[in-house]
């Protein structure tokens, strides 16, 4: 018979207490370990970055960790390039090609070609006087090839400018710039009917000189100088400011000769616009001395036989304006003017330039051939 071993009461109580402590400790340890692991973070490392919390003007909104959303903001360089092309295209639309025709054996024949610039939405065009002088018909071609017959509104041979007009409305026209603010080295571009066949040719360059005193076919002029490529046929075309596309000159001359390159000239738009305004409003330039006649050049032959006779050109009167200095002095249609105060005159331009050199109130002697006889007529010059 086995004998039961009985544990004393105190020892049993101690075992129970130890067991409870072990169970509680184990349970608490399991709760503590995952919590501390979840909340532990590595120590921040020192960097040279500025603490954004101390930066002025920073909001207190939380910083998003999401990647920035894609935007459709335009590329500034592409925008600038497109704006440049748009400006050039606009300027192209304002420049026209011009054919001047004369009658030969009863038919119109193109005698010269040049360029012009549209200066109003209703079809006024500024060009050079030498482009359309003595023309019996003027034809204008827009940049898109559309053809128009043009009417001469007025011309000024002293400054080599003229205004013609085509019928219609809504034409793209040039914006006047301020040629007085141009500086040497400033970028410009020219558009014109190069060689009379390459319409709306675009060339670039810069302002090479300002207020150049130049003689163009005997006419003293004060012009802009540019190294933009200028060719025959560009006369009457445009010189534009590159920075804004404004019209700052009317091309009127190119220096020719062996070894000469990069010498082109233009009439400053500040002068050209004033003359164009007078021609549109009055048909002539105000404030200038005048005779009040219209003329055409005619040829006379000297002695020596037909083949050897010298030929002379003089202005022949085709119209006398009523109430003008010429009318008051008795000048008549078909009179041929051969000299002014002893200075031989060989063309209508010569006559115009000679008269413009007198002051209002001056008495001038004109030598006139009338009915195969030379007579002298005294004329008192006035301005209008």
Protein backbone atom coordinates (compact mmCIF):
# COMPACT_ATOMS: atom_id res chain seq x y z
CA UNK A 1 0.00 0.00 0.00
CA UNK A 2 1.45 3.27 -1.24
CA UNK A 3 1.79 6.07 1.21
CA UNK A 4 0.55 9.57 0.05
CA UNK A 5 3.03 12.39 0.41
CA UNK A 6 1.38 15.56 1.58
CA UNK A 7 3.01 19.00 0.79
CA UNK A 8 2.94 21.45 3.64
CA UNK A 9 0.42 24.31 3.15
CA UNK A 10 2.97 27.11 3.02
CA UNK A 11 4.94 25.49 0.27
CA UNK A 12 1.82 24.95 -1.80
CA UNK A 13 0.82 28.59 -1.49
CA UNK A 14 4.28 29.74 -2.59
CA UNK A 15 4.15 27.55 -5.71
CA UNK A 16 0.80 28.95 -6.72
CA UNK A 17 2.02 32.56 -6.27
CA UNK A 18 5.15 31.94 -8.35
CA UNK A 19 3.08 30.39 -11.13
CA UNK A 20 0.76 33.44 -11.27
CA UNK A 21 3.73 35.86 -11.41
CA UNK A 22 5.32 33.92 -14.31
CA UNK A 23 2.06 33.92 -16.31
CA UNK A 24 1.44 37.68 -15.80
CA UNK A 25 5.05 38.53 -16.68
CA UNK A 26 4.93 36.50 -19.89
CA UNK A 27 1.67 38.11 -21.00
CA UNK A 28 2.98 41.65 -20.34
CA UNK A 29 6.20 40.91 -22.24
CA UNK A 30 4.29 39.81 -25.31
CA UNK A 31 2.34 43.10 -25.34
CA UNK A 32 5.43 45.31 -24.83
CA UNK A 33 7.75 43.87 -27.50
CA UNK A 34 5.59 44.49 -30.65
CA UNK A 35 4.59 47.92 -29.40
CA UNK A 36 8.16 49.11 -28.91
CA UNK A 37 9.20 47.66 -32.28
CA UNK A 38 6.40 49.46 -34.04
CA UNK A 39 7.21 52.85 -32.47
CA UNK A 40 10.97 52.75 -32.79
CA UNK A 41 12.57 54.91 -35.55
CA UNK A 42 16.20 55.38 -36.46
CA UNK A 43 17.94 58.46 -35.19
CA UNK A 44 17.85 61.26 -37.79
CA UNK A 45 21.18 61.92 -39.47
CA UNK A 46 22.54 65.43 -39.69
CA UNK A 47 22.33 67.08 -43.15
CA UNK A 48 23.13 70.46 -44.71
CA UNK A 49 19.51 71.01 -45.75
CA UNK A 50 17.65 74.00 -44.37
CA UNK A 51 14.85 73.26 -41.93
CA UNK A 52 11.72 74.27 -43.86
CA UNK A 53 9.87 74.94 -40.63
CA UNK A 54 12.08 77.99 -40.12
CA UNK A 55 11.73 79.33 -43.68
CA UNK A 56 9.65 82.55 -43.99
CA UNK A 57 6.28 82.47 -45.80
CA UNK A 58 5.89 78.71 -45.53
CA UNK A 59 2.35 77.56 -44.68
CA UNK A 60 1.54 75.16 -41.93
CA UNK A 61 -0.18 72.74 -44.22
CA UNK A 62 1.26 69.23 -44.22
CA UNK A 63 3.72 68.50 -46.99
CA UNK A 64 2.34 65.98 -49.42
CA UNK A 65 4.48 62.97 -50.14
CA UNK A 66 2.57 62.25 -53.35
CA UNK A 67 4.42 62.93 -56.67
CA UNK A 68 3.49 66.29 -58.27
CA UNK A 69 0.65 66.17 -60.74
CA UNK A 70 1.59 66.68 -64.42
CA UNK A 71 0.70 70.11 -65.87
CA UNK A 72 0.19 71.45 -69.39
CA UNK A 73 2.17 74.67 -68.87
CA UNK A 74 3.64 75.90 -72.22
CA UNK A 75 7.34 75.93 -72.97
CA UNK A 76 8.50 79.58 -72.85
CA UNK A 77 11.13 79.04 -75.56
CA UNK A 78 8.59 77.46 -77.89
CA UNK A 79 6.17 80.32 -77.19
CA UNK A 80 8.80 82.93 -78.06
CA UNK A 81 9.73 81.11 -81.25
CA UNK A 82 6.09 80.83 -82.32
CA UNK A 83 5.50 84.52 -81.56
CA UNK A 84 8.46 85.40 -83.79
CA UNK A 85 7.09 83.36 -86.70
CA UNK A 86 3.61 84.86 -86.23
CA UNK A 87 5.10 88.37 -86.33
CA UNK A 88 7.05 87.65 -89.53
CA UNK A 89 3.96 86.13 -91.15
CA UNK A 90 1.96 89.25 -90.30
CA UNK A 91 4.65 91.48 -91.78
CA UNK A 92 4.76 89.31 -94.93
CA UNK A 93 1.03 89.93 -95.46
CA UNK A 94 1.57 93.70 -95.45
CA UNK A 95 4.19 93.78 -98.25
CA UNK A 96 3.14 93.69 -101.90
CA UNK A 97 4.84 93.35 -105.29
CA UNK A 98 4.29 96.06 -107.90
CA UNK A 99 4.52 96.03 -111.70
CA UNK A 100 4.55 99.39 -113.52
CA UNK A 101 3.53 99.21 -117.17
CA UNK A 102 3.76 101.65 -120.08
CA UNK A 103 2.03 101.62 -123.46
CA UNK A 104 4.15 100.45 -126.37
CA UNK A 105 2.60 100.03 -129.81
CA UNK A 106 -0.81 100.17 -128.20
CA UNK A 107 -0.08 97.45 -125.64
CA UNK A 108 0.84 97.60 -121.95
CA UNK A 109 4.37 96.40 -121.30
CA UNK A 110 5.90 96.00 -117.83
CA UNK A 111 8.63 98.62 -117.56
CA UNK A 112 9.72 98.13 -113.95
CA UNK A 113 8.95 96.11 -110.85
CA UNK A 114 9.22 96.97 -107.19
CA UNK A 115 7.60 96.64 -103.81
CA UNK A 116 5.12 98.42 -101.57
CA UNK A 117 3.70 98.33 -98.05
CA UNK A 118 0.00 98.35 -97.15
CA UNK A 119 -0.57 101.09 -94.55
CA UNK A 120 -4.34 100.95 -94.07
CA UNK A 121 -7.07 98.33 -93.99
CA UNK A 122 -8.80 100.00 -96.96
CA UNK A 123 -5.88 99.51 -99.34
CA UNK A 124 -3.56 102.54 -99.25
CA UNK A 125 -0.01 101.46 -100.16
CA UNK A 126 3.23 103.40 -99.74
CA UNK A 127 6.05 102.83 -102.22
CA UNK A 128 8.91 104.69 -103.89
CA UNK A 129 8.17 107.33 -106.51
CA UNK A 130 10.71 105.89 -108.92
CA UNK A 131 8.87 102.54 -108.87
CA UNK A 132 5.69 104.00 -110.39
CA UNK A 133 6.87 107.15 -112.18
CA UNK A 134 5.55 107.56 -115.74
CA UNK A 135 3.48 104.36 -115.41
CA UNK A 136 0.36 104.06 -117.55
CA UNK A 137 -0.87 101.18 -115.40
CA UNK A 138 0.07 99.86 -111.94
CA UNK A 139 -0.56 96.27 -110.87
CA UNK A 140 -0.29 95.07 -107.26
CA UNK A 141 0.17 91.48 -106.09
CA UNK A 142 -0.55 90.48 -102.50
CA UNK A 143 1.50 87.88 -100.67
CA UNK A 144 -1.06 85.20 -101.60
CA UNK A 145 -0.81 86.11 -105.29
CA UNK A 146 -4.10 88.02 -105.51
CA UNK A 147 -3.85 90.67 -108.26
CA UNK A 148 -5.25 94.22 -108.11
CA UNK A 149 -5.20 97.26 -110.37
CA UNK A 150 -3.92 100.27 -108.43
CA UNK A 151 -4.66 103.99 -108.63
CA UNK A 152 -1.97 106.62 -108.11
CA UNK A 153 -2.99 108.92 -105.24
CA UNK A 154 0.06 111.18 -105.17
CA UNK A 155 3.83 111.22 -105.43
CA UNK A 156 6.81 113.20 -104.18
CA UNK A 157 9.96 112.92 -106.29
CA UNK A 158 11.99 114.99 -103.82
CA UNK A 159 11.76 112.31 -101.13
CA UNK A 160 11.14 109.46 -103.60
CA UNK A 161 7.78 108.47 -102.11
CA UNK A 162 4.36 107.73 -103.55
CA UNK A 163 0.99 106.44 -102.41
CA UNK A 164 -1.18 104.14 -104.52
CA UNK A 165 -4.50 102.50 -103.65
CA UNK A 166 -6.25 99.21 -104.37
CA UNK A 167 -9.97 98.67 -104.00
CA UNK A 168 -11.25 96.67 -101.03
CA UNK A 169 -11.33 96.48 -97.25
CA UNK A 170 -9.91 94.31 -94.51
CA UNK A 171 -6.35 94.27 -95.82
CA UNK A 172 -3.58 93.39 -93.37
CA UNK A 173 -1.51 96.54 -92.87
CA UNK A 174 1.80 97.46 -91.26
CA UNK A 175 2.08 99.18 -87.91
CA UNK A 176 4.20 102.33 -87.88
CA UNK A 177 7.21 102.27 -85.58
CA UNK A 178 9.35 105.16 -84.32
CA UNK A 179 12.47 105.47 -86.45
CA UNK A 180 13.84 108.24 -84.23
CA UNK A 181 14.53 105.71 -81.45
CA UNK A 182 16.58 103.33 -83.60
CA UNK A 183 20.13 102.59 -82.46
CA UNK A 184 23.14 101.40 -84.44
CA UNK A 185 23.38 97.64 -84.13
CA UNK A 186 19.64 97.14 -83.61
CA UNK A 187 18.25 94.10 -85.42
CA UNK A 188 15.98 94.67 -88.42
CA UNK A 189 14.61 92.65 -91.33
CA UNK A 190 13.62 93.60 -94.87
CA UNK A 191 10.82 92.20 -97.03
CA UNK A 192 10.49 92.96 -100.72
CA UNK A 193 10.18 91.78 -104.30
CA UNK A 194 13.84 90.87 -104.77
CA UNK A 195 15.05 91.17 -108.37
CA UNK A 196 11.46 91.95 -109.36
CA UNK A 197 10.62 88.25 -109.46
CA UNK A 198 11.14 86.84 -105.94
CA UNK A 199 8.16 88.33 -104.16
CA UNK A 200 8.20 88.80 -100.39
CA UNK A 201 11.82 87.81 -99.88
CA UNK A 202 12.84 88.02 -96.18
CA UNK A 203 16.37 89.07 -95.19
CA UNK A 204 17.83 90.03 -91.84
CA UNK A 205 20.48 92.43 -90.64
CA UNK A 206 20.99 95.42 -88.40
CA UNK A 207 21.04 99.20 -88.48
CA UNK A 208 24.49 100.19 -89.75
CA UNK A 209 24.02 103.96 -89.80
CA UNK A 210 21.51 106.67 -88.93
CA UNK A 211 20.97 110.03 -90.67
CA UNK A 212 23.18 109.14 -93.61
CA UNK A 213 23.35 112.03 -96.10
CA UNK A 214 23.17 110.28 -99.47
CA UNK A 215 22.56 111.51 -103.02
CA UNK A 216 20.12 109.25 -104.88
CA UNK A 217 19.95 110.07 -108.62
CA UNK A 218 20.88 113.66 -107.86
CA UNK A 219 18.46 114.00 -104.94
CA UNK A 220 20.01 114.71 -101.52
CA UNK A 221 18.37 112.48 -98.92
CA UNK A 222 18.83 111.60 -95.25
CA UNK A 223 18.44 107.84 -94.87
CA UNK A 224 18.83 104.82 -92.61
CA UNK A 225 21.63 102.44 -93.53
CA UNK A 226 21.31 98.68 -93.09
CA UNK A 227 23.35 95.59 -93.88
CA UNK A 228 20.23 93.49 -94.49
CA UNK A 229 20.44 92.12 -98.04
CA UNK A 230 18.77 94.60 -100.42
CA UNK A 231 18.33 93.80 -104.11
CA UNK A 232 16.85 95.48 -107.15
CA UNK A 233 13.11 95.13 -106.80
CA UNK A 234 13.20 95.82 -103.05
CA UNK A 235 12.56 99.51 -103.70
CA UNK A 236 9.37 100.55 -101.96
CA UNK A 237 9.53 97.53 -99.68
CA UNK A 238 9.65 97.42 -95.91
CA UNK A 239 12.31 97.58 -93.23
CA UNK A 240 10.90 96.20 -89.97
CA UNK A 241 12.13 96.33 -86.39
CA UNK A 242 12.88 92.79 -85.22
CA UNK A 243 11.88 93.41 -81.60
CA UNK A 244 8.24 94.23 -82.35
CA UNK A 245 7.65 93.94 -86.11
CA UNK A 246 6.92 97.65 -86.52
CA UNK A 247 7.61 99.42 -89.83
CA UNK A 248 10.60 101.72 -89.42
CA UNK A 249 11.69 102.39 -93.01
CA UNK A 250 10.81 102.25 -96.72
CA UNK A 251 13.66 100.66 -98.68
CA UNK A 252 14.72 102.88 -101.58
CA UNK A 253 18.33 102.20 -102.56
CA UNK A 254 21.18 99.73 -102.76
CA UNK A 255 24.77 100.68 -103.46
CA UNK A 256 26.18 98.82 -106.45
CA UNK A 257 29.73 98.31 -107.54
CA UNK A 258 32.61 95.90 -107.44
CA UNK A 259 33.43 94.97 -103.87
CA UNK A 260 30.40 96.77 -102.40
CA UNK A 261 28.32 94.56 -100.13
CA UNK A 262 25.90 95.18 -97.28
CA UNK A 263 25.01 98.77 -98.19
CA UNK A 264 21.27 99.29 -98.27
CA UNK A 265 19.27 102.41 -97.48
CA UNK A 266 15.74 103.18 -96.33
CA UNK A 267 13.64 106.30 -95.85
CA UNK A 268 12.87 106.72 -92.11
CA UNK A 269 9.21 106.00 -91.44
CA UNK A 270 8.80 109.18 -89.35
CA UNK A 271 9.34 111.17 -92.55
CA UNK A 272 7.62 108.72 -94.90
CA UNK A 273 4.43 108.55 -92.83
CA UNK A 274 4.06 112.36 -92.77
CA UNK A 275 4.48 112.57 -96.54
CA UNK A 276 2.08 109.65 -97.09
CA UNK A 277 -0.53 111.38 -94.94
CA UNK A 278 -0.26 114.57 -97.04
CA UNK A 279 -0.46 112.63 -100.29
CA UNK A 280 -3.58 110.79 -99.10
CA UNK A 281 -5.31 113.89 -97.77
CA UNK A 282 -4.24 116.48 -100.37
CA UNK A 283 -2.51 114.72 -103.25
CA UNK A 284 0.66 116.74 -102.60
CA UNK A 285 3.11 117.56 -99.80
CA UNK A 286 2.08 120.63 -97.83
CA UNK A 287 4.46 123.45 -97.00
CA UNK A 288 6.52 122.98 -100.16
CA UNK A 289 7.14 125.66 -102.85
CA UNK A 290 5.21 124.73 -106.00
CA UNK A 291 4.33 125.82 -109.52
CA UNK A 292 0.99 124.09 -109.85
CA UNK A 293 1.62 122.12 -113.05
CA UNK A 294 1.79 118.50 -114.15
CA UNK A 295 4.51 117.49 -116.58
CA UNK A 296 5.82 114.57 -118.58
CA UNK A 297 9.31 114.17 -120.03
CA UNK A 298 9.70 114.75 -123.77
CA UNK A 299 12.69 114.39 -126.09
CA UNK A 300 13.92 117.07 -128.51
CA UNK A 301 16.53 116.55 -131.21
CA UNK A 302 19.30 118.98 -132.03
CA UNK A 303 20.84 119.59 -135.43
CA UNK A 304 23.11 117.10 -137.22
CA UNK A 305 20.77 114.69 -138.95
CA UNK A 306 18.60 111.96 -137.49
CA UNK A 307 21.38 109.51 -136.68
CA UNK A 308 23.85 112.06 -135.34
CA UNK A 309 21.56 114.65 -133.77
CA UNK A 310 21.96 115.06 -130.01
CA UNK A 311 18.87 114.33 -127.98
CA UNK A 312 17.68 116.45 -125.06
CA UNK A 313 14.98 115.67 -122.51
CA UNK A 314 12.82 118.37 -120.92
CA UNK A 315 9.59 118.47 -118.89
CA UNK A 316 6.51 119.24 -120.98
CA UNK A 317 3.45 120.81 -119.29
CA UNK A 318 0.36 118.56 -119.45
CA UNK A 319 -1.85 120.39 -116.93
CA UNK A 320 -1.99 123.80 -115.27
CA UNK A 321 -3.73 124.04 -111.91
CA UNK A 322 -6.26 126.86 -111.73
CA UNK A 323 -5.20 129.67 -109.39
CA UNK A 324 -1.64 128.34 -109.11
CA UNK A 325 1.59 130.37 -109.50
CA UNK A 326 2.02 128.89 -112.99
CA UNK A 327 -1.50 129.86 -114.04
CA UNK A 328 -1.03 133.40 -112.72
CA UNK A 329 2.24 133.71 -114.69
CA UNK A 330 0.65 132.52 -117.96
CA UNK A 331 2.25 129.09 -118.36
CA UNK A 332 0.26 126.97 -120.83
CA UNK A 333 -0.28 123.30 -121.60
CA UNK A 334 2.37 121.98 -124.08
CA UNK A 335 4.96 124.52 -122.92
CA UNK A 336 8.39 122.87 -122.65
CA UNK A 337 10.45 124.15 -119.70
CA UNK A 338 14.16 124.12 -120.49
CA UNK A 339 15.65 126.09 -117.57
CA UNK A 340 14.89 127.65 -114.16
CA UNK A 341 16.85 130.82 -113.34
CA UNK A 342 19.48 129.77 -115.89
CA UNK A 343 19.78 126.19 -114.57
CA UNK A 344 19.12 123.62 -117.32
CA UNK A 345 16.28 121.25 -116.51
CA UNK A 346 16.35 117.77 -118.06
CA UNK A 347 13.39 116.03 -116.39
CA UNK A 348 10.24 116.54 -114.38
CA UNK A 349 12.13 115.51 -111.25
CA UNK A 350 14.78 118.14 -111.93
CA UNK A 351 12.08 120.79 -112.23
CA UNK A 352 10.39 119.70 -109.01
CA UNK A 353 13.67 119.68 -107.09
CA UNK A 354 14.74 123.06 -108.49
CA UNK A 355 11.46 124.76 -107.51
CA UNK A 356 11.54 123.25 -104.00
CA UNK A 357 14.80 125.08 -103.37
CA UNK A 358 13.17 128.54 -103.50
CA UNK A 359 11.51 130.41 -100.67
CA UNK A 360 7.87 131.38 -100.84
CA UNK A 361 7.58 134.78 -102.56
CA UNK A 362 10.70 134.28 -104.72
CA UNK A 363 10.52 135.50 -108.33
CA UNK A 364 11.83 132.82 -110.68
CA UNK A 365 12.54 133.03 -114.41
CA UNK A 366 11.44 130.05 -116.49
CA UNK A 367 12.78 129.65 -120.03
CA UNK A 368 10.04 128.01 -122.07
CA UNK A 369 9.84 126.63 -125.61
CA UNK A 370 6.42 127.50 -127.05
CA UNK A 371 5.49 127.05 -130.71
CA UNK A 372 9.18 126.65 -131.63
CA UNK A 373 10.11 129.92 -129.95
CA UNK A 374 11.92 130.48 -126.66
CA UNK A 375 10.29 132.89 -124.20
CA UNK A 376 11.00 133.80 -120.59
CA UNK A 377 8.26 133.85 -117.99
CA UNK A 378 8.47 135.32 -114.49
CA UNK A 379 6.77 133.21 -111.81
CA UNK A 380 6.27 134.11 -108.13
CA UNK A 381 6.68 130.97 -106.07
CA UNK A 382 4.18 130.17 -103.33
CA UNK A 383 3.67 127.31 -100.88
CA UNK A 384 0.45 125.43 -100.24
